[in-house]
Amino acid sequence: MPLTNDKNKIIEHYDVISPYYQELWGNHIHHGLWIHGDETKEQAQDQLIDYVAGKAGIAIGATILDIGCGFGGTSIYLAKHYGAATTGITISEVQVQMANEAAKKAGANSRFLRMDAEAMTFGAPFDVLWSTESISHYHDRANFFASAVKFLKPGGVFALTDWFKRPGLTAAEQKKYITPIDEGMFVQLAEMDRYEEWLRAAGMEIVCREELTKQCAKSWDLALDIVADPSFWALAAKLGRDFVKNLKSFRAMRAAFASGAFVYGFFVAKKPGLIS
């Protein structure tokens, strides 16, 4: 069977759809965190970054590698609001171009490269590894974590948010709630416990693990309102079945949130040692 997270499909998807995603989501291609409930989508997205950054204890001037950076919004935000020097990587050339243009316009200390997160090469390690809703796209996540920590300084932290599935789902629940997300979003959802196992096996110490499902669920209420526009469906029909399936998975995301089958969470893990 073909992989739901086939890399060629992911590249094709993001190369074509990223400008439309920017129109849909704004500068950030990730969930928002609603603390009070009346925030705008943009405020909620910024709050998610600030919440995770606070838990990670990001220092002014930190060097940050944003793994799976999308079109650069989070990297640029971290550079502008935390005085960080950020490097973002993505497998989409279109996203690299969009991100570098946005960084130049914002005057941010950010650079963006086309690079496969599962085959990273850098000459020097970073203070922080950061990943927002990207790792569920990867094929061999145990190997990814084992490799990624090599690019983290001793005492550095890995801060990540991602999509997960609830432990103990029945086969029927998996088929109803998770499979449409895997197929439509080009991911393979795992449980949070698996990520913790992979991080620990890579030699990392878990500093923080938290579910934010309820606080982030509103993202898909807003998304469904936006994609109700017939023009999105007309565009998807022109682009092909995978793009139609992607739009249909928006409804699946909302249903999975409501059922509790889907989990939104984050980790902060530390590499043993002292930052040099």
Protein backbone atom coordinates (compact mmCIF):
# COMPACT_ATOMS: atom_id res chain seq x y z
CA MET A 1 0.00 0.00 0.00
CA PRO A 2 1.25 3.53 -0.74
CA LEU A 3 2.33 5.54 2.27
CA THR A 4 -0.11 8.21 3.44
CA ASN A 5 2.95 10.36 4.18
CA ASP A 6 4.63 9.86 0.80
CA LYS A 7 7.23 12.63 0.45
CA ASN A 8 6.62 13.28 -3.23
CA LYS A 9 2.95 13.90 -2.47
CA ILE A 10 3.88 16.18 0.42
CA ILE A 11 6.21 18.21 -1.78
CA GLU A 12 3.64 18.49 -4.55
CA HIS A 13 0.95 19.47 -2.07
CA TYR A 14 2.88 22.24 -0.36
CA ASP A 15 4.48 23.56 -3.54
CA VAL A 16 1.02 24.09 -5.02
CA ILE A 17 -1.13 24.92 -2.03
CA SER A 18 1.15 27.04 0.22
CA PRO A 19 0.04 30.41 -1.22
CA TYR A 20 -3.58 29.36 -0.61
CA TYR A 21 -2.75 28.10 2.88
CA GLN A 22 -1.27 31.50 3.63
CA GLU A 23 -4.53 33.08 2.53
CA LEU A 24 -6.42 30.57 4.69
CA TRP A 25 -4.29 30.49 7.86
CA GLY A 26 -2.27 33.72 7.71
CA ASN A 27 1.44 33.92 8.51
CA HIS A 28 1.41 30.70 10.55
CA ILE A 29 0.44 27.31 9.20
CA HIS A 30 -0.40 25.83 12.60
CA HIS A 31 -3.12 25.67 15.23
CA GLY A 32 -3.96 28.50 17.56
CA LEU A 33 -4.10 28.36 21.36
CA TRP A 34 -7.21 29.97 22.85
CA ILE A 35 -6.59 31.03 26.44
CA HIS A 36 -9.54 33.39 26.99
CA GLY A 37 -11.71 32.21 24.10
CA ASP A 38 -12.25 35.55 22.38
CA GLU A 39 -8.87 35.85 20.66
CA THR A 40 -8.59 36.23 16.92
CA LYS A 41 -7.11 33.34 14.95
CA GLU A 42 -3.88 35.31 14.57
CA GLN A 43 -3.64 36.10 18.29
CA ALA A 44 -4.25 32.45 19.13
CA GLN A 45 -1.50 31.31 16.76
CA ASP A 46 0.98 33.74 18.34
CA GLN A 47 -0.10 32.55 21.78
CA LEU A 48 0.75 28.96 20.87
CA ILE A 49 4.28 30.01 19.94
CA ASP A 50 4.67 32.07 23.12
CA TYR A 51 3.31 29.27 25.31
CA VAL A 52 5.71 26.67 23.95
CA ALA A 53 8.61 29.12 23.90
CA GLY A 54 7.94 29.94 27.55
CA LYS A 55 7.97 26.28 28.52
CA ALA A 56 11.19 25.84 26.54
CA GLY A 57 12.83 28.81 28.27
CA ILE A 58 14.21 30.27 25.07
CA ALA A 59 16.96 32.77 25.84
CA ILE A 60 17.48 36.05 24.01
CA GLY A 61 19.91 35.51 21.15
CA ALA A 62 19.37 31.74 20.94
CA THR A 63 20.11 29.93 17.72
CA ILE A 64 17.02 28.00 16.65
CA LEU A 65 16.53 25.37 13.97
CA ASP A 66 12.88 25.33 12.89
CA ILE A 67 12.35 21.85 11.45
CA GLY A 68 9.46 21.79 8.99
CA CYS A 69 9.16 25.57 8.94
CA GLY A 70 6.33 26.00 6.46
CA PHE A 71 6.44 29.44 4.91
CA GLY A 72 8.46 30.85 7.75
CA GLY A 73 5.98 32.60 10.03
CA THR A 74 7.08 30.94 13.27
CA SER A 75 10.80 31.36 12.57
CA ILE A 76 10.28 35.03 11.82
CA TYR A 77 8.16 35.49 14.95
CA LEU A 78 10.85 33.88 17.13
CA ALA A 79 13.52 36.05 15.53
CA LYS A 80 11.58 39.27 16.01
CA HIS A 81 10.10 38.63 19.48
CA TYR A 82 12.87 36.57 21.11
CA GLY A 83 15.94 38.06 19.48
CA ALA A 84 16.74 34.65 18.03
CA ALA A 85 18.79 33.72 14.99
CA THR A 86 16.55 31.24 13.22
CA THR A 87 17.14 28.74 10.46
CA GLY A 88 14.12 27.05 8.91
CA ILE A 89 14.05 23.95 6.74
CA THR A 90 11.29 22.51 4.54
CA ILE A 91 11.14 20.10 1.59
CA SER A 92 9.02 22.57 -0.39
CA GLU A 93 10.97 24.93 -2.64
CA VAL A 94 7.93 27.20 -2.88
CA GLN A 95 7.83 27.50 0.92
CA VAL A 96 11.56 28.34 0.99
CA GLN A 97 10.99 31.18 -1.47
CA MET A 98 7.94 32.47 0.40
CA ALA A 99 9.78 32.30 3.75
CA ASN A 100 12.92 34.08 2.57
CA GLU A 101 10.84 36.84 0.99
CA ALA A 102 8.85 37.25 4.21
CA ALA A 103 12.03 37.36 6.32
CA LYS A 104 13.55 40.03 4.10
CA LYS A 105 10.38 42.10 4.29
CA ALA A 106 10.24 41.76 8.08
CA GLY A 107 13.96 42.45 8.57
CA ALA A 108 14.23 39.22 10.57
CA ASN A 109 17.43 37.35 11.38
CA SER A 110 16.08 34.26 9.65
CA ARG A 111 17.22 32.10 6.77
CA PHE A 112 15.42 29.26 5.04
CA LEU A 113 16.73 26.20 3.25
CA ARG A 114 15.27 23.34 1.27
CA MET A 115 16.26 20.26 3.25
CA ASP A 116 14.74 16.92 4.21
CA ALA A 117 14.36 16.79 8.00
CA GLU A 118 15.25 13.10 7.89
CA ALA A 119 18.58 13.83 6.18
CA MET A 120 19.78 17.04 7.85
CA THR A 121 23.33 18.37 7.47
CA PHE A 122 24.66 21.36 9.40
CA GLY A 123 28.17 22.41 10.34
CA ALA A 124 27.33 23.58 13.87
CA PRO A 125 24.72 22.67 16.50
CA PHE A 126 21.85 24.88 17.68
CA ASP A 127 20.61 26.00 21.10
CA VAL A 128 17.04 24.99 20.25
CA LEU A 129 15.39 22.55 17.90
CA TRP A 130 11.82 23.60 17.17
CA SER A 131 9.14 21.75 15.24
CA THR A 132 5.52 22.72 14.78
CA GLU A 133 3.12 20.06 13.48
CA SER A 134 5.67 18.53 11.13
CA ILE A 135 7.05 15.29 12.58
CA SER A 136 3.88 13.31 11.88
CA HIS A 137 4.83 13.62 8.18
CA TYR A 138 8.10 11.71 8.67
CA HIS A 139 8.71 8.07 7.79
CA ASP A 140 11.15 6.88 10.48
CA ARG A 141 10.59 9.03 13.53
CA ALA A 142 12.80 6.99 15.85
CA ASN A 143 15.72 7.56 13.49
CA PHE A 144 14.74 11.21 13.02
CA PHE A 145 15.00 11.94 16.74
CA ALA A 146 18.27 10.00 17.07
CA SER A 147 19.73 12.04 14.21
CA ALA A 148 18.23 15.43 15.11
CA VAL A 149 19.72 15.58 18.61
CA LYS A 150 23.18 15.54 17.03
CA PHE A 151 22.44 19.08 15.89
CA LEU A 152 21.55 20.24 19.41
CA LYS A 153 24.11 21.68 21.83
CA PRO A 154 24.57 19.99 25.22
CA GLY A 155 21.96 21.52 27.51
CA GLY A 156 19.86 22.59 24.53
CA VAL A 157 16.16 21.89 24.17
CA PHE A 158 13.89 20.34 21.59
CA ALA A 159 10.44 21.97 21.60
CA LEU A 160 7.80 20.34 19.44
CA THR A 161 4.08 20.38 18.89
CA ASP A 162 2.34 17.75 16.82
CA TRP A 163 -0.82 15.85 16.04
CA PHE A 164 -1.39 12.59 17.91
CA LYS A 165 -4.05 9.94 18.32
CA ARG A 166 -5.58 8.82 21.59
CA PRO A 167 -4.22 5.57 23.01
CA GLY A 168 -6.38 2.48 22.80
CA LEU A 169 -8.50 3.36 19.78
CA THR A 170 -10.54 0.51 18.39
CA ALA A 171 -10.13 -0.50 14.75
CA ALA A 172 -13.48 1.15 14.02
CA GLU A 173 -12.42 4.42 15.70
CA GLN A 174 -9.11 4.37 13.84
CA LYS A 175 -10.93 3.93 10.52
CA LYS A 176 -13.58 6.56 11.25
CA TYR A 177 -11.51 9.31 12.83
CA ILE A 178 -7.80 8.85 12.15
CA THR A 179 -7.49 7.24 8.71
CA PRO A 180 -9.17 10.20 6.92
CA ILE A 181 -6.67 12.54 8.59
CA ASP A 182 -3.70 10.34 7.72
CA GLU A 183 -4.79 10.13 4.08
CA GLY A 184 -5.96 13.73 3.65
CA MET A 185 -3.13 15.44 5.54
CA PHE A 186 -0.29 13.13 4.41
CA VAL A 187 0.61 12.04 7.94
CA GLN A 188 0.76 8.93 10.11
CA LEU A 189 -0.51 9.81 13.56
CA ALA A 190 1.08 8.12 16.56
CA GLU A 191 0.41 8.28 20.28
CA MET A 192 2.21 10.75 22.54
CA ASP A 193 3.79 7.86 24.43
CA ARG A 194 5.60 6.82 21.25
CA TYR A 195 7.18 10.28 20.91
CA GLU A 196 8.29 10.14 24.51
CA GLU A 197 9.87 6.74 23.88
CA TRP A 198 11.68 8.04 20.80
CA LEU A 199 12.93 11.16 22.60
CA ARG A 200 14.22 9.14 25.56
CA ALA A 201 15.85 6.59 23.26
CA ALA A 202 17.68 9.50 21.60
CA GLY A 203 19.11 10.44 25.00
CA MET A 204 16.77 13.34 25.76
CA GLU A 205 15.24 14.21 29.13
CA ILE A 206 11.53 15.12 29.08
CA VAL A 207 11.06 18.56 30.61
CA CYS A 208 7.42 19.08 29.73
CA ARG A 209 4.64 17.04 28.14
CA GLU A 210 1.19 18.51 27.81
CA GLU A 211 -2.04 18.07 25.88
CA LEU A 212 -3.66 21.21 24.47
CA THR A 213 -6.48 19.61 22.53
CA LYS A 214 -9.37 21.61 24.00
CA GLN A 215 -7.50 24.91 23.80
CA CYS A 216 -6.66 24.36 20.11
CA ALA A 217 -9.90 22.83 18.80
CA LYS A 218 -11.36 26.16 17.69
CA SER A 219 -8.85 26.23 14.82
CA TRP A 220 -11.01 23.78 12.89
CA ASP A 221 -14.26 25.59 13.57
CA LEU A 222 -12.70 28.60 11.88
CA ALA A 223 -11.14 26.51 9.12
CA LEU A 224 -14.48 24.99 8.17
CA ASP A 225 -16.03 28.43 7.98
CA ILE A 226 -13.26 29.55 5.65
CA VAL A 227 -13.29 26.52 3.34
CA ALA A 228 -17.05 26.75 2.98
CA ASP A 229 -16.15 29.15 0.17
CA PRO A 230 -16.96 27.27 -3.08
CA SER A 231 -13.81 28.69 -4.69
CA PHE A 232 -11.64 26.46 -2.49
CA TRP A 233 -13.50 23.35 -3.66
CA ALA A 234 -13.35 24.46 -7.29
CA LEU A 235 -9.60 24.90 -6.95
CA ALA A 236 -9.19 21.51 -5.30
CA ALA A 237 -11.18 19.84 -8.08
CA LYS A 238 -8.83 21.34 -10.66
CA LEU A 239 -5.75 20.20 -8.73
CA GLY A 240 -6.83 16.57 -8.37
CA ARG A 241 -8.18 13.95 -5.98
CA ASP A 242 -5.45 14.36 -3.33
CA PHE A 243 -6.34 18.03 -2.92
CA VAL A 244 -10.06 17.25 -2.68
CA LYS A 245 -9.24 14.60 -0.07
CA ASN A 246 -7.21 17.22 1.80
CA LEU A 247 -10.18 19.60 1.99
CA LYS A 248 -12.49 16.77 3.07
CA SER A 249 -10.05 15.95 5.87
CA PHE A 250 -10.78 19.37 7.39
CA ARG A 251 -14.15 17.96 8.44
CA ALA A 252 -12.43 14.82 9.67
CA MET A 253 -10.14 16.93 11.85
CA ARG A 254 -13.07 18.65 13.49
CA ALA A 255 -14.87 15.34 14.07
CA ALA A 256 -11.73 13.73 15.53
CA PHE A 257 -11.24 16.67 17.90
CA ALA A 258 -14.87 16.42 19.05
CA SER A 259 -14.66 12.64 19.55
CA GLY A 260 -11.45 12.76 21.57
CA ALA A 261 -9.74 10.43 19.10
CA PHE A 262 -7.37 13.23 18.06
CA VAL A 263 -4.88 14.74 20.50
CA TYR A 264 -2.95 17.99 20.10
CA GLY A 265 0.10 18.14 22.33
CA PHE A 266 3.63 19.29 22.83
CA PHE A 267 6.92 18.23 24.35
CA VAL A 268 9.95 20.06 25.60
CA ALA A 269 12.98 17.78 25.97
CA LYS A 270 16.51 18.64 27.05
CA LYS A 271 19.81 17.26 25.89
CA PRO A 272 21.98 16.43 28.92
CA GLY A 273 24.99 18.61 29.58
CA LEU A 274 25.77 22.29 29.92
CA ILE A 275 25.33 24.78 27.08
CA SER A 276 28.82 25.77 25.94
